[in-house]
Amino acid sequence: MASPGRRCATASDAAPGLHPTPDPRPAAPPLSLPRLLGNALFAGMEGGILGMALLSLLGTTLLGSGAWLVLFGAIVALQYFRILGGLDLPIILAATFVLVLWLLKLPLTQLLIVAAAGGLITLALALFFQVVYRLLRQFL
């Protein structure tokens, strides 16, 4: 409680024209198209490999699907916040591929087909949403 002779400062006491200070971090520049497509390709291939690994370990249970969604979401989030990127992506992809192939003894051709299909599907989705975004930006 304020003393009788003192008044509490209110929002109207602020000097006119003063605005709250903006966030000191500048916004990250948007990803270039090749980098966006590379990230989409990586996420799809990694998602396919992890999906095969979790399918062979946990089966087609709710736990297996949930674990795959959590891992895939983590991959996308790490790319969004730019923790993963550049040379990290092929290294992580190769390490995951070798570990899954070596530890789980999955067939090489099956793993390659699933990884390639996952990568191509996410690549197509990324291109589709990029086209839609550019069309909306042009008309709105």
C-alpha atoms as a PDB file:
ATOM      1  CA  MET A   1       0.000   0.000   0.000  1.00  0.00           C
ATOM      2  CA  ALA A   2       1.315   3.444  -0.898  1.00  0.00           C
ATOM      3  CA  SER A   3       1.900   6.060   1.765  1.00  0.00           C
ATOM      4  CA  PRO A   4      -0.665   8.926   1.925  1.00  0.00           C
ATOM      5  CA  GLY A   5       1.633  11.475   0.276  1.00  0.00           C
ATOM      6  CA  ARG A   6       2.833   9.192  -2.520  1.00  0.00           C
ATOM      7  CA  ARG A   7       0.958   8.175  -5.557  1.00  0.00           C
ATOM      8  CA  CYS A   8       1.424   4.878  -7.424  1.00  0.00           C
ATOM      9  CA  ALA A   9       2.640   5.167 -10.995  1.00  0.00           C
ATOM     10  CA  THR A  10       0.093   4.168 -13.587  1.00  0.00           C
ATOM     11  CA  ALA A  11       0.261   3.464 -17.287  1.00  0.00           C
ATOM     12  CA  SER A  12      -1.075   6.958 -18.034  1.00  0.00           C
ATOM     13  CA  ASP A  13       1.939   8.480 -16.226  1.00  0.00           C
ATOM     14  CA  ALA A  14       4.309   7.162 -18.904  1.00  0.00           C
ATOM     15  CA  ALA A  15       5.660   9.704 -21.346  1.00  0.00           C
ATOM     16  CA  PRO A  16       3.693   9.849 -24.589  1.00  0.00           C
ATOM     17  CA  GLY A  17       5.357   8.106 -27.502  1.00  0.00           C
ATOM     18  CA  LEU A  18       7.159   5.591 -25.313  1.00  0.00           C
ATOM     19  CA  HIS A  19       6.707   2.036 -26.451  1.00  0.00           C
ATOM     20  CA  PRO A  20       7.856  -1.163 -24.835  1.00  0.00           C
ATOM     21  CA  THR A  21      11.258  -2.263 -26.038  1.00  0.00           C
ATOM     22  CA  PRO A  22      11.145  -4.869 -28.790  1.00  0.00           C
ATOM     23  CA  ASP A  23      12.616  -8.317 -28.393  1.00  0.00           C
ATOM     24  CA  PRO A  24      16.401  -7.953 -28.817  1.00  0.00           C
ATOM     25  CA  ARG A  25      16.623 -11.120 -30.955  1.00  0.00           C
ATOM     26  CA  PRO A  26      15.994 -10.405 -34.623  1.00  0.00           C
ATOM     27  CA  ALA A  27      13.731 -12.789 -36.473  1.00  0.00           C
ATOM     28  CA  ALA A  28      15.546 -15.550 -38.298  1.00  0.00           C
ATOM     29  CA  PRO A  29      15.570 -15.079 -42.056  1.00  0.00           C
ATOM     30  CA  PRO A  30      13.349 -17.492 -43.976  1.00  0.00           C
ATOM     31  CA  LEU A  31      14.939 -20.650 -45.323  1.00  0.00           C
ATOM     32  CA  SER A  32      16.026 -20.677 -48.942  1.00  0.00           C
ATOM     33  CA  LEU A  33      14.198 -23.135 -51.169  1.00  0.00           C
ATOM     34  CA  PRO A  34      17.134 -25.578 -51.532  1.00  0.00           C
ATOM     35  CA  ARG A  35      17.653 -25.630 -47.771  1.00  0.00           C
ATOM     36  CA  LEU A  36      13.934 -26.113 -47.129  1.00  0.00           C
ATOM     37  CA  LEU A  37      13.838 -29.023 -49.564  1.00  0.00           C
ATOM     38  CA  GLY A  38      16.986 -30.527 -48.048  1.00  0.00           C
ATOM     39  CA  ASN A  39      15.461 -30.340 -44.581  1.00  0.00           C
ATOM     40  CA  ALA A  40      12.242 -31.931 -45.849  1.00  0.00           C
ATOM     41  CA  LEU A  41      14.169 -34.718 -47.566  1.00  0.00           C
ATOM     42  CA  PHE A  42      16.179 -35.384 -44.404  1.00  0.00           C
ATOM     43  CA  ALA A  43      13.103 -35.418 -42.171  1.00  0.00           C
ATOM     44  CA  GLY A  44      11.294 -37.826 -44.476  1.00  0.00           C
ATOM     45  CA  MET A  45      14.209 -40.222 -44.846  1.00  0.00           C
ATOM     46  CA  GLU A  46      14.960 -40.156 -41.128  1.00  0.00           C
ATOM     47  CA  GLY A  47      11.267 -40.627 -40.366  1.00  0.00           C
ATOM     48  CA  GLY A  48      11.136 -43.643 -42.665  1.00  0.00           C
ATOM     49  CA  ILE A  49      14.205 -45.234 -41.092  1.00  0.00           C
ATOM     50  CA  LEU A  50      12.970 -44.586 -37.555  1.00  0.00           C
ATOM     51  CA  GLY A  51       9.536 -45.886 -38.510  1.00  0.00           C
ATOM     52  CA  MET A  52      11.027 -49.153 -39.749  1.00  0.00           C
ATOM     53  CA  ALA A  53      13.138 -49.491 -36.605  1.00  0.00           C
ATOM     54  CA  LEU A  54      10.232 -48.834 -34.255  1.00  0.00           C
ATOM     55  CA  LEU A  55       7.980 -51.150 -36.251  1.00  0.00           C
ATOM     56  CA  SER A  56      10.449 -54.005 -35.858  1.00  0.00           C
ATOM     57  CA  LEU A  57      11.018 -53.246 -32.153  1.00  0.00           C
ATOM     58  CA  LEU A  58       7.544 -52.324 -30.893  1.00  0.00           C
ATOM     59  CA  GLY A  59       5.247 -53.659 -33.588  1.00  0.00           C
ATOM     60  CA  THR A  60       2.103 -51.898 -34.741  1.00  0.00           C
ATOM     61  CA  THR A  61       1.000 -50.812 -31.309  1.00  0.00           C
ATOM     62  CA  LEU A  62      -0.117 -47.435 -30.115  1.00  0.00           C
ATOM     63  CA  LEU A  63       3.198 -47.132 -28.279  1.00  0.00           C
ATOM     64  CA  GLY A  64       5.161 -47.660 -31.495  1.00  0.00           C
ATOM     65  CA  SER A  65       3.143 -45.065 -33.379  1.00  0.00           C
ATOM     66  CA  GLY A  66       3.353 -42.604 -30.514  1.00  0.00           C
ATOM     67  CA  ALA A  67       7.109 -43.060 -30.200  1.00  0.00           C
ATOM     68  CA  TRP A  68       7.510 -42.473 -33.934  1.00  0.00           C
ATOM     69  CA  LEU A  69       5.416 -39.291 -33.786  1.00  0.00           C
ATOM     70  CA  VAL A  70       7.452 -37.961 -30.857  1.00  0.00           C
ATOM     71  CA  LEU A  71      10.761 -38.672 -32.614  1.00  0.00           C
ATOM     72  CA  PHE A  72       9.555 -37.217 -35.910  1.00  0.00           C
ATOM     73  CA  GLY A  73       8.243 -34.117 -34.124  1.00  0.00           C
ATOM     74  CA  ALA A  74      11.597 -33.721 -32.372  1.00  0.00           C
ATOM     75  CA  ILE A  75      13.428 -33.899 -35.710  1.00  0.00           C
ATOM     76  CA  VAL A  76      11.184 -31.246 -37.231  1.00  0.00           C
ATOM     77  CA  ALA A  77      11.459 -29.022 -34.132  1.00  0.00           C
ATOM     78  CA  LEU A  78      15.255 -29.281 -34.094  1.00  0.00           C
ATOM     79  CA  GLN A  79      15.307 -28.222 -37.724  1.00  0.00           C
ATOM     80  CA  TYR A  80      12.827 -25.404 -37.133  1.00  0.00           C
ATOM     81  CA  PHE A  81      14.926 -23.930 -34.342  1.00  0.00           C
ATOM     82  CA  ARG A  82      17.999 -24.480 -36.527  1.00  0.00           C
ATOM     83  CA  ILE A  83      19.759 -26.720 -34.062  1.00  0.00           C
ATOM     84  CA  LEU A  84      20.122 -29.329 -36.806  1.00  0.00           C
ATOM     85  CA  GLY A  85      21.239 -28.221 -40.216  1.00  0.00           C
ATOM     86  CA  GLY A  86      23.958 -28.194 -42.785  1.00  0.00           C
ATOM     87  CA  LEU A  87      26.513 -30.972 -42.499  1.00  0.00           C
ATOM     88  CA  ASP A  88      24.756 -32.477 -39.464  1.00  0.00           C
ATOM     89  CA  LEU A  89      21.931 -33.871 -41.565  1.00  0.00           C
ATOM     90  CA  PRO A  90      23.802 -36.394 -43.751  1.00  0.00           C
ATOM     91  CA  ILE A  91      25.947 -37.491 -40.796  1.00  0.00           C
ATOM     92  CA  ILE A  92      22.902 -38.171 -38.606  1.00  0.00           C
ATOM     93  CA  LEU A  93      21.103 -39.883 -41.484  1.00  0.00           C
ATOM     94  CA  ALA A  94      24.060 -42.163 -42.231  1.00  0.00           C
ATOM     95  CA  ALA A  95      24.571 -42.990 -38.544  1.00  0.00           C
ATOM     96  CA  THR A  96      20.893 -43.841 -38.076  1.00  0.00           C
ATOM     97  CA  PHE A  97      20.871 -45.934 -41.241  1.00  0.00           C
ATOM     98  CA  VAL A  98      23.956 -47.934 -40.217  1.00  0.00           C
ATOM     99  CA  LEU A  99      22.725 -48.432 -36.636  1.00  0.00           C
ATOM    100  CA  VAL A 100      19.301 -49.656 -37.719  1.00  0.00           C
ATOM    101  CA  LEU A 101      20.820 -51.898 -40.377  1.00  0.00           C
ATOM    102  CA  TRP A 102      23.426 -53.326 -37.996  1.00  0.00           C
ATOM    103  CA  LEU A 103      21.428 -53.664 -34.772  1.00  0.00           C
ATOM    104  CA  LEU A 104      18.050 -54.733 -36.117  1.00  0.00           C
ATOM    105  CA  LYS A 105      19.237 -56.736 -39.138  1.00  0.00           C
ATOM    106  CA  LEU A 106      16.554 -55.294 -41.399  1.00  0.00           C
ATOM    107  CA  PRO A 107      16.793 -56.028 -45.146  1.00  0.00           C
ATOM    108  CA  LEU A 108      18.887 -53.390 -46.931  1.00  0.00           C
ATOM    109  CA  THR A 109      16.595 -52.997 -49.938  1.00  0.00           C
ATOM    110  CA  GLN A 110      13.498 -52.635 -47.779  1.00  0.00           C
ATOM    111  CA  LEU A 111      15.176 -49.987 -45.630  1.00  0.00           C
ATOM    112  CA  LEU A 112      16.408 -48.088 -48.699  1.00  0.00           C
ATOM    113  CA  ILE A 113      12.978 -48.145 -50.341  1.00  0.00           C
ATOM    114  CA  VAL A 114      11.193 -46.930 -47.199  1.00  0.00           C
ATOM    115  CA  ALA A 115      13.773 -44.180 -46.593  1.00  0.00           C
ATOM    116  CA  ALA A 116      13.601 -43.008 -50.217  1.00  0.00           C
ATOM    117  CA  ALA A 117       9.795 -43.086 -50.248  1.00  0.00           C
ATOM    118  CA  GLY A 118       9.597 -41.127 -46.997  1.00  0.00           C
ATOM    119  CA  GLY A 119      12.042 -38.553 -48.309  1.00  0.00           C
ATOM    120  CA  LEU A 120      10.235 -38.145 -51.618  1.00  0.00           C
ATOM    121  CA  ILE A 121       6.831 -37.837 -49.953  1.00  0.00           C
ATOM    122  CA  THR A 122       7.989 -35.086 -47.588  1.00  0.00           C
ATOM    123  CA  LEU A 123       9.808 -33.399 -50.473  1.00  0.00           C
ATOM    124  CA  ALA A 124       6.580 -33.368 -52.503  1.00  0.00           C
ATOM    125  CA  LEU A 125       4.621 -32.027 -49.520  1.00  0.00           C
ATOM    126  CA  ALA A 126       7.181 -29.275 -48.925  1.00  0.00           C
ATOM    127  CA  LEU A 127       7.039 -28.244 -52.588  1.00  0.00           C
ATOM    128  CA  PHE A 128       3.239 -28.263 -52.573  1.00  0.00           C
ATOM    129  CA  PHE A 129       3.026 -26.056 -49.481  1.00  0.00           C
ATOM    130  CA  GLN A 130       5.709 -23.735 -50.862  1.00  0.00           C
ATOM    131  CA  VAL A 131       3.665 -23.238 -54.047  1.00  0.00           C
ATOM    132  CA  VAL A 132       0.478 -22.633 -52.039  1.00  0.00           C
ATOM    133  CA  TYR A 133       2.318 -20.151 -49.789  1.00  0.00           C
ATOM    134  CA  ARG A 134       3.676 -18.207 -52.762  1.00  0.00           C
ATOM    135  CA  LEU A 135       0.264 -18.109 -54.453  1.00  0.00           C
ATOM    136  CA  LEU A 136      -1.426 -16.870 -51.282  1.00  0.00           C
ATOM    137  CA  ARG A 137       1.287 -14.280 -50.719  1.00  0.00           C
ATOM    138  CA  GLN A 138       0.845 -13.019 -54.273  1.00  0.00           C
ATOM    139  CA  PHE A 139      -2.938 -12.656 -54.060  1.00  0.00           C
ATOM    140  CA  LEU A 140      -3.325 -11.440 -50.477  1.00  0.00           C
END
